[in-house]
N, C-alpha and C. Protein backbone atom coordinates (compact mmCIF):
# COMPACT_ATOMS: atom_id res chain seq x y z
N MET A 1 10.68 14.23 -22.88
CA MET A 1 10.76 12.85 -23.04
C MET A 1 9.24 12.88 -21.45
N VAL A 2 8.40 12.39 -22.12
CA VAL A 2 6.86 12.37 -20.90
C VAL A 2 7.33 11.69 -20.21
N ARG A 3 7.59 11.40 -18.73
CA ARG A 3 7.03 10.77 -18.06
C ARG A 3 6.08 10.50 -17.10
N VAL A 4 5.10 9.12 -16.87
CA VAL A 4 3.89 9.18 -16.29
C VAL A 4 4.24 7.73 -15.48
N THR A 5 3.68 8.21 -13.95
CA THR A 5 3.57 7.33 -13.39
C THR A 5 2.08 6.88 -12.81
N SER A 6 2.06 5.85 -12.48
CA SER A 6 0.46 5.24 -11.68
C SER A 6 0.70 6.24 -10.70
N LEU A 7 -0.53 6.26 -10.25
CA LEU A 7 -0.86 6.79 -8.98
C LEU A 7 -0.77 6.18 -7.58
N PHE A 8 -0.70 4.32 -8.13
CA PHE A 8 0.17 3.71 -7.19
C PHE A 8 1.42 3.91 -7.01
N SER A 9 2.32 3.85 -7.92
CA SER A 9 3.72 3.83 -8.14
C SER A 9 3.94 4.99 -7.22
N GLN A 10 3.21 6.23 -7.54
CA GLN A 10 3.48 7.32 -6.24
C GLN A 10 3.62 7.36 -5.36
N LEU A 11 1.92 6.46 -5.06
CA LEU A 11 1.66 6.33 -3.39
C LEU A 11 3.44 5.81 -2.73
N LEU A 12 3.72 4.40 -3.79
CA LEU A 12 4.77 3.33 -3.13
C LEU A 12 6.27 3.79 -2.95
N HIS A 13 6.29 5.80 -3.44
CA HIS A 13 7.83 5.94 -3.20
C HIS A 13 7.59 6.41 -1.98
N HIS A 14 6.86 6.53 -1.06
CA HIS A 14 6.78 7.49 0.39
C HIS A 14 7.74 6.07 0.81
N PHE A 15 7.56 4.93 0.68
CA PHE A 15 7.60 3.83 1.42
C PHE A 15 9.14 3.27 0.80
N PRO A 16 10.11 3.79 0.84
CA PRO A 16 11.85 3.66 0.41
C PRO A 16 11.89 1.87 0.88
N ARG A 17 12.69 1.41 -0.50
CA ARG A 17 12.64 0.12 -0.54
C ARG A 17 13.18 -0.39 0.67
N THR A 18 14.99 0.77 1.16
CA THR A 18 15.70 0.18 1.94
C THR A 18 15.64 0.28 3.09
N GLU A 19 14.38 0.97 3.70
CA GLU A 19 13.61 1.53 5.25
C GLU A 19 13.07 0.24 4.92
N PHE A 20 12.31 -0.68 4.33
CA PHE A 20 11.47 -1.48 4.18
C PHE A 20 12.53 -2.78 4.25
N ALA A 21 13.28 -3.33 3.58
CA ALA A 21 14.36 -4.18 3.75
C ALA A 21 15.14 -4.38 4.98
N ALA A 22 15.23 -3.21 5.86
CA ALA A 22 16.00 -3.04 7.08
C ALA A 22 14.69 -3.60 8.01
N LEU A 23 13.93 -3.21 7.89
CA LEU A 23 12.53 -3.43 8.78
C LEU A 23 12.31 -5.26 8.25
N VAL A 24 12.37 -5.51 7.38
CA VAL A 24 12.35 -6.96 7.03
C VAL A 24 13.63 -7.98 7.31
N LYS A 25 14.60 -7.35 7.15
CA LYS A 25 15.51 -8.09 8.15
C LYS A 25 15.15 -8.06 10.10
N LYS A 26 15.17 -6.68 10.43
CA LYS A 26 15.24 -6.63 12.13
C LYS A 26 14.09 -7.86 12.79
N HIS A 27 12.90 -8.20 11.55
CA HIS A 27 12.05 -8.55 12.09
C HIS A 27 11.91 -9.76 11.39
N GLY A 28 13.20 -10.56 10.80
CA GLY A 28 12.82 -12.10 9.89
C GLY A 28 12.00 -12.51 9.49
N ALA A 29 11.02 -11.32 8.86
CA ALA A 29 10.03 -11.73 8.36
C ALA A 29 9.91 -12.44 7.21
N GLU A 30 11.32 -12.56 6.29
CA GLU A 30 11.44 -13.84 5.16
C GLU A 30 11.85 -14.94 5.43
N ARG A 31 12.15 -15.14 6.50
CA ARG A 31 12.84 -16.36 7.12
C ARG A 31 11.68 -17.60 6.33
N GLY A 32 12.12 -18.86 5.65
CA GLY A 32 11.89 -19.62 4.97
C GLY A 32 10.76 -19.17 4.01
N ALA A 33 10.79 -17.61 3.43
CA ALA A 33 10.22 -17.46 2.23
C ALA A 33 10.58 -17.77 1.02
N LYS A 34 9.73 -18.22 0.16
CA LYS A 34 10.30 -19.00 -1.08
C LYS A 34 9.93 -18.41 -2.09
N GLY A 35 10.11 -17.18 -2.50
CA GLY A 35 10.30 -16.39 -3.93
C GLY A 35 9.03 -15.15 -3.50
N PHE A 36 8.09 -15.38 -2.84
CA PHE A 36 7.12 -14.44 -2.17
C PHE A 36 7.72 -13.50 -1.41
N THR A 37 8.25 -12.34 -1.58
CA THR A 37 8.50 -11.63 -0.63
C THR A 37 7.39 -10.96 -0.10
N CYS A 38 7.97 -9.92 1.29
CA CYS A 38 7.31 -9.15 1.93
C CYS A 38 7.37 -7.72 1.02
N TRP A 39 7.74 -7.60 0.37
CA TRP A 39 7.28 -6.67 -0.50
C TRP A 39 6.22 -6.76 -1.56
N ASN A 40 6.55 -8.52 -2.03
CA ASN A 40 5.22 -8.44 -2.82
C ASN A 40 4.27 -8.60 -2.18
N GLN A 41 4.05 -9.12 -0.66
CA GLN A 41 2.88 -8.90 0.10
C GLN A 41 2.38 -7.57 0.38
N PHE A 42 3.33 -6.50 0.86
CA PHE A 42 3.04 -5.65 1.08
C PHE A 42 2.26 -4.71 -0.11
N ILE A 43 2.71 -4.87 -1.61
CA ILE A 43 2.02 -4.62 -2.75
C ILE A 43 0.57 -4.76 -2.95
N SER A 44 0.59 -6.02 -2.63
CA SER A 44 -0.91 -6.90 -2.75
C SER A 44 -1.97 -6.27 -1.79
N MET A 45 -0.95 -6.12 -0.48
CA MET A 45 -2.16 -5.23 0.50
C MET A 45 -2.55 -3.81 0.35
N MET A 46 -1.61 -3.43 -0.46
CA MET A 46 -2.19 -1.93 -0.65
C MET A 46 -3.11 -1.68 -1.79
N PHE A 47 -2.67 -2.58 -2.62
CA PHE A 47 -3.70 -3.18 -3.62
C PHE A 47 -5.04 -3.39 -3.19
N CYS A 48 -4.98 -3.77 -2.18
CA CYS A 48 -6.37 -4.19 -1.57
C CYS A 48 -7.03 -3.32 -1.19
N GLN A 49 -6.07 -2.39 -0.16
CA GLN A 49 -6.86 -1.51 0.06
C GLN A 49 -7.18 -0.03 -0.91
N LEU A 50 -6.62 -0.12 -1.67
CA LEU A 50 -6.71 1.01 -2.66
C LEU A 50 -8.22 0.62 -3.96
N ALA A 51 -8.26 -0.70 -4.02
CA ALA A 51 -9.22 -1.21 -4.98
C ALA A 51 -10.27 -1.32 -4.11
N ARG A 52 -10.56 -1.71 -2.86
CA ARG A 52 -11.28 -1.88 -2.18
C ARG A 52 -11.79 -3.65 -2.23
N ALA A 53 -10.91 -4.28 -2.34
CA ALA A 53 -11.09 -5.60 -2.64
C ALA A 53 -11.72 -6.31 -1.36
N ASP A 54 -12.50 -7.14 -1.91
CA ASP A 54 -13.29 -7.94 -0.64
C ASP A 54 -12.47 -9.61 -0.67
N SER A 55 -12.23 -10.15 -1.42
CA SER A 55 -11.41 -11.13 -1.48
C SER A 55 -10.22 -11.62 -2.18
N LEU A 56 -9.76 -12.59 -1.46
CA LEU A 56 -8.53 -13.19 -2.67
C LEU A 56 -8.16 -12.91 -3.64
N ARG A 57 -9.10 -14.12 -4.52
CA ARG A 57 -9.74 -13.65 -5.61
C ARG A 57 -9.10 -12.38 -6.09
N GLU A 58 -10.08 -11.26 -5.55
CA GLU A 58 -10.12 -9.71 -6.32
C GLU A 58 -8.46 -9.39 -6.10
N ILE A 59 -8.05 -9.70 -5.02
CA ILE A 59 -6.87 -9.05 -5.36
C ILE A 59 -5.94 -10.05 -6.32
N CYS A 60 -5.85 -11.17 -6.33
CA CYS A 60 -5.09 -11.69 -7.22
C CYS A 60 -5.62 -11.43 -9.08
N ASN A 61 -6.82 -11.50 -9.26
CA ASN A 61 -7.21 -11.08 -10.47
C ASN A 61 -6.74 -9.72 -10.62
N GLY A 62 -6.98 -8.84 -9.64
CA GLY A 62 -6.71 -7.67 -10.19
C GLY A 62 -5.42 -7.06 -10.63
N LEU A 63 -4.78 -7.72 -9.65
CA LEU A 63 -2.86 -7.69 -10.08
C LEU A 63 -2.87 -8.52 -11.20
N ALA A 64 -3.35 -9.36 -11.95
CA ALA A 64 -2.77 -10.20 -12.48
C ALA A 64 -3.38 -9.40 -14.18
N CYS A 65 -4.32 -8.25 -14.11
CA CYS A 65 -4.82 -7.94 -14.85
C CYS A 65 -3.75 -6.47 -15.11
N CYS A 66 -2.86 -6.28 -14.46
CA CYS A 66 -2.03 -5.38 -14.49
C CYS A 66 -0.59 -5.76 -14.31
N LEU A 67 -0.35 -7.08 -15.58
CA LEU A 67 0.84 -7.59 -15.34
C LEU A 67 2.04 -7.39 -15.96
N GLY A 68 1.71 -6.16 -17.00
CA GLY A 68 2.61 -5.41 -17.63
C GLY A 68 3.48 -4.65 -16.97
N LYS A 69 2.47 -3.64 -15.98
CA LYS A 69 2.59 -2.59 -14.92
C LYS A 69 3.16 -3.22 -14.39
N LEU A 70 3.53 -4.23 -13.51
CA LEU A 70 3.96 -4.64 -12.05
C LEU A 70 5.28 -4.87 -12.16
N ASN A 71 6.11 -4.18 -13.10
CA ASN A 71 7.20 -4.49 -13.01
C ASN A 71 7.74 -3.02 -12.43
N HIS A 72 7.46 -2.18 -12.58
CA HIS A 72 7.61 -0.58 -11.80
C HIS A 72 7.41 -0.71 -10.48
N LEU A 73 6.27 -1.48 -10.04
CA LEU A 73 6.04 -1.73 -8.70
C LEU A 73 7.83 -2.67 -7.87
N GLY A 74 8.07 -3.60 -8.32
CA GLY A 74 8.84 -4.44 -8.09
C GLY A 74 8.16 -5.57 -7.78
N ILE A 75 7.69 -6.10 -8.67
CA ILE A 75 6.47 -7.22 -8.84
C ILE A 75 6.74 -8.08 -9.94
N GLY A 76 7.03 -9.12 -9.96
CA GLY A 76 7.67 -9.93 -11.67
C GLY A 76 6.45 -10.76 -11.97
N ASN A 77 5.22 -10.92 -11.11
CA ASN A 77 4.19 -11.83 -11.60
C ASN A 77 3.03 -11.43 -10.11
N ALA A 78 1.39 -11.31 -11.10
CA ALA A 78 0.48 -11.40 -9.45
C ALA A 78 0.94 -12.85 -8.80
N PRO A 79 0.23 -12.82 -7.33
CA PRO A 79 0.65 -13.92 -6.34
C PRO A 79 -0.26 -14.61 -6.66
N LYS A 80 -0.67 -16.39 -6.73
CA LYS A 80 -1.64 -17.04 -6.42
C LYS A 80 -2.73 -16.54 -5.15
N ARG A 81 -3.76 -17.55 -5.20
CA ARG A 81 -4.07 -16.92 -3.96
C ARG A 81 -4.01 -17.88 -2.93
N SER A 82 -3.47 -18.86 -2.73
CA SER A 82 -3.29 -19.67 -2.31
C SER A 82 -1.72 -19.15 -1.24
N THR A 83 -0.71 -18.75 -1.83
CA THR A 83 0.37 -18.22 -2.00
C THR A 83 0.16 -16.74 -0.83
N LEU A 84 -0.84 -15.76 -1.15
CA LEU A 84 -0.75 -14.97 -0.28
C LEU A 84 -1.69 -14.94 0.96
N ALA A 85 -2.71 -15.87 0.62
CA ALA A 85 -3.52 -16.62 1.87
C ALA A 85 -2.12 -17.36 2.98
N TYR A 86 -0.97 -18.02 2.93
CA TYR A 86 -0.54 -18.41 3.23
C TYR A 86 0.42 -17.41 4.28
N ALA A 87 0.73 -16.16 3.08
CA ALA A 87 1.57 -15.13 3.80
C ALA A 87 0.97 -14.36 4.66
N ASN A 88 -0.49 -14.49 4.94
CA ASN A 88 -1.24 -13.38 4.78
C ASN A 88 -1.05 -13.76 6.78
N GLU A 89 -1.72 -14.99 6.45
CA GLU A 89 -1.79 -15.99 7.84
C GLU A 89 -0.61 -16.31 8.66
N HIS A 90 0.75 -16.79 7.80
CA HIS A 90 1.77 -17.03 8.89
C HIS A 90 3.03 -15.99 9.29
N ARG A 91 2.21 -14.79 8.14
CA ARG A 91 3.80 -13.35 8.35
C ARG A 91 3.56 -12.62 9.71
N THR A 92 4.61 -12.04 10.56
CA THR A 92 3.81 -11.56 11.69
C THR A 92 3.57 -9.94 11.16
N ALA A 93 2.64 -9.54 11.87
CA ALA A 93 2.01 -8.32 11.09
C ALA A 93 2.91 -7.10 12.36
N ALA A 94 3.90 -7.13 12.84
CA ALA A 94 5.15 -6.51 13.76
C ALA A 94 5.65 -5.73 12.51
N LEU A 95 6.05 -6.16 11.18
CA LEU A 95 6.71 -5.74 10.42
C LEU A 95 5.80 -4.76 9.72
N TYR A 96 4.71 -4.41 9.65
CA TYR A 96 3.89 -3.92 9.14
C TYR A 96 3.47 -2.42 9.72
N GLU A 97 3.76 -2.79 11.36
CA GLU A 97 3.47 -2.08 12.01
C GLU A 97 4.25 -0.58 12.34
N ASP A 98 5.60 -1.62 12.33
CA ASP A 98 7.01 -0.77 12.43
C ASP A 98 7.28 0.28 11.10
N LEU A 99 6.26 -0.78 9.85
CA LEU A 99 6.54 0.33 8.85
C LEU A 99 5.60 1.46 9.13
N PHE A 100 4.32 1.53 10.11
CA PHE A 100 3.37 2.12 10.00
C PHE A 100 4.36 3.76 10.77
N TRP A 101 4.99 2.79 12.33
CA TRP A 101 5.26 4.00 12.65
C TRP A 101 6.63 4.69 12.20
N THR A 102 7.55 4.13 11.43
CA THR A 102 8.97 4.97 11.12
C THR A 102 8.36 5.59 9.40
N SER A 103 7.14 5.09 9.27
CA SER A 103 6.53 6.46 7.65
C SER A 103 5.91 7.37 9.17
N LEU A 104 5.03 6.74 9.80
CA LEU A 104 4.45 8.49 10.26
C LEU A 104 6.33 9.28 10.91
N ASN A 105 6.43 8.82 11.92
CA ASN A 105 7.51 9.76 12.04
C ASN A 105 8.73 10.85 10.85
N ARG A 106 8.72 9.83 9.49
CA ARG A 106 9.76 10.68 8.89
C ARG A 106 8.41 11.76 8.17
N PHE A 107 7.32 11.24 7.74
CA PHE A 107 5.96 11.98 7.30
C PHE A 107 6.08 13.41 8.50
N ARG A 108 6.30 13.08 9.62
CA ARG A 108 5.96 14.13 10.69
C ARG A 108 7.17 15.37 10.54
N ASP A 109 8.25 14.39 10.66
CA ASP A 109 10.08 15.28 10.27
C ASP A 109 9.93 15.96 8.96
N GLN A 110 9.39 15.62 8.39
CA GLN A 110 9.19 15.57 6.73
C GLN A 110 8.36 16.84 7.02
N GLY A 111 7.40 17.28 8.05
CA GLY A 111 6.65 18.55 8.01
C GLY A 111 5.03 18.45 6.99
N ILE A 112 4.99 16.88 6.55
CA ILE A 112 3.98 16.34 5.58
C ILE A 112 2.89 16.22 6.27
N ILE A 113 2.55 16.07 7.42
CA ILE A 113 1.75 15.82 8.43
C ILE A 113 1.73 16.13 9.45
N GLY A 114 0.75 16.93 10.19
CA GLY A 114 0.83 17.07 11.82
C GLY A 114 1.74 18.86 11.90
N GLY A 115 1.91 19.31 10.78
CA GLY A 115 2.23 20.39 10.81
C GLY A 115 1.04 22.24 11.04
N LYS A 116 1.74 22.59 11.83
CA LYS A 116 0.53 24.10 11.51
C LYS A 116 0.54 24.44 10.50
N ARG A 117 -0.80 24.93 10.35
CA ARG A 117 -1.02 25.70 8.91
C ARG A 117 -0.78 27.24 9.03
N LYS A 118 -0.50 28.04 8.16
CA LYS A 118 0.18 29.63 8.72
C LYS A 118 -1.07 30.28 8.56
N SER A 119 -2.29 29.79 7.53
CA SER A 119 -3.28 30.70 7.83
C SER A 119 -4.48 29.43 8.13
N ARG A 120 -5.60 29.95 8.34
CA ARG A 120 -6.73 28.89 8.20
C ARG A 120 -7.26 28.58 6.93
N PHE A 121 -7.72 27.54 6.78
CA PHE A 121 -7.94 27.17 5.16
C PHE A 121 -9.58 26.95 5.21
N ARG A 122 -9.88 27.67 3.94
CA ARG A 122 -11.78 28.09 3.82
C ARG A 122 -11.80 27.87 2.18
N PHE A 123 -13.15 27.41 2.36
CA PHE A 123 -13.77 27.75 1.06
C PHE A 123 -14.20 28.89 0.50
N LYS A 124 -13.42 29.64 -0.99
CA LYS A 124 -14.47 30.83 -1.36
C LYS A 124 -15.55 30.71 -1.26
N ASN A 125 -16.04 29.49 -2.29
CA ASN A 125 -18.12 29.40 -2.34
C ASN A 125 -18.45 28.51 -1.24
N LYS A 126 -19.88 28.67 -0.98
CA LYS A 126 -20.42 27.92 -0.22
C LYS A 126 -19.81 26.48 -0.31
N LEU A 127 -19.78 25.65 0.50
CA LEU A 127 -19.76 23.92 0.41
C LEU A 127 -20.59 23.36 0.40
N LEU A 128 -21.31 22.21 -0.50
CA LEU A 128 -22.44 21.80 -0.05
C LEU A 128 -22.23 20.16 -0.04
N SER A 129 -22.52 19.67 0.49
CA SER A 129 -22.31 18.04 1.06
C SER A 129 -23.25 17.14 1.12
N LEU A 130 -23.75 16.01 -0.26
CA LEU A 130 -24.29 15.18 0.19
C LEU A 130 -24.39 14.12 0.64
N ASP A 131 -24.80 13.50 0.61
CA ASP A 131 -24.71 11.87 1.28
C ASP A 131 -26.59 11.12 1.08
N SER A 132 -25.51 9.86 0.54
CA SER A 132 -27.15 8.99 -0.51
C SER A 132 -26.85 7.96 0.35
N ILE A 133 -27.44 7.28 0.54
CA ILE A 133 -28.19 5.94 1.26
C ILE A 133 -29.08 4.96 0.22
N ARG A 134 -28.09 3.88 -0.15
CA ARG A 134 -28.49 2.77 -0.65
C ARG A 134 -29.83 1.62 0.18
N SER A 135 -30.49 2.07 -0.97
CA SER A 135 -31.66 0.74 -0.52
C SER A 135 -31.74 -0.11 -1.21
N PHE A 136 -32.07 -1.34 -0.48
CA PHE A 136 -32.02 -2.64 -0.97
C PHE A 136 -33.70 -3.22 -0.84
N VAL A 137 -34.78 -3.18 -1.98
CA VAL A 137 -35.35 -3.86 -1.88
C VAL A 137 -35.73 -4.96 -2.16
């Protein structure tokens, strides 16, 4: 049986739900929340970063296009713009700051980042880097 998971799902595997739930409980971030959880907000904001969305409309419409695929991420349906805006305005950012630091420490402990390389990395062939600047007329 072939199992295929999306890149987004693979990225979310680095953020264990139990660890996230413990941080939510520590900060009391879902106090008074009615249906839109911190996990939903986290996935929405992660989608925003990966899709380079500029507005709430882009986030919500982008998630709405993936409705059938959202169940494996832990979201039943895409959030509405007003719900996401309210959550972004009223929920504390300290939860996500703690999530960053705990994830960073876990990655360092596992040797995923911050470890010394055994040998220096080199490209076999010459590397050319191109940069383009768009000009608007």
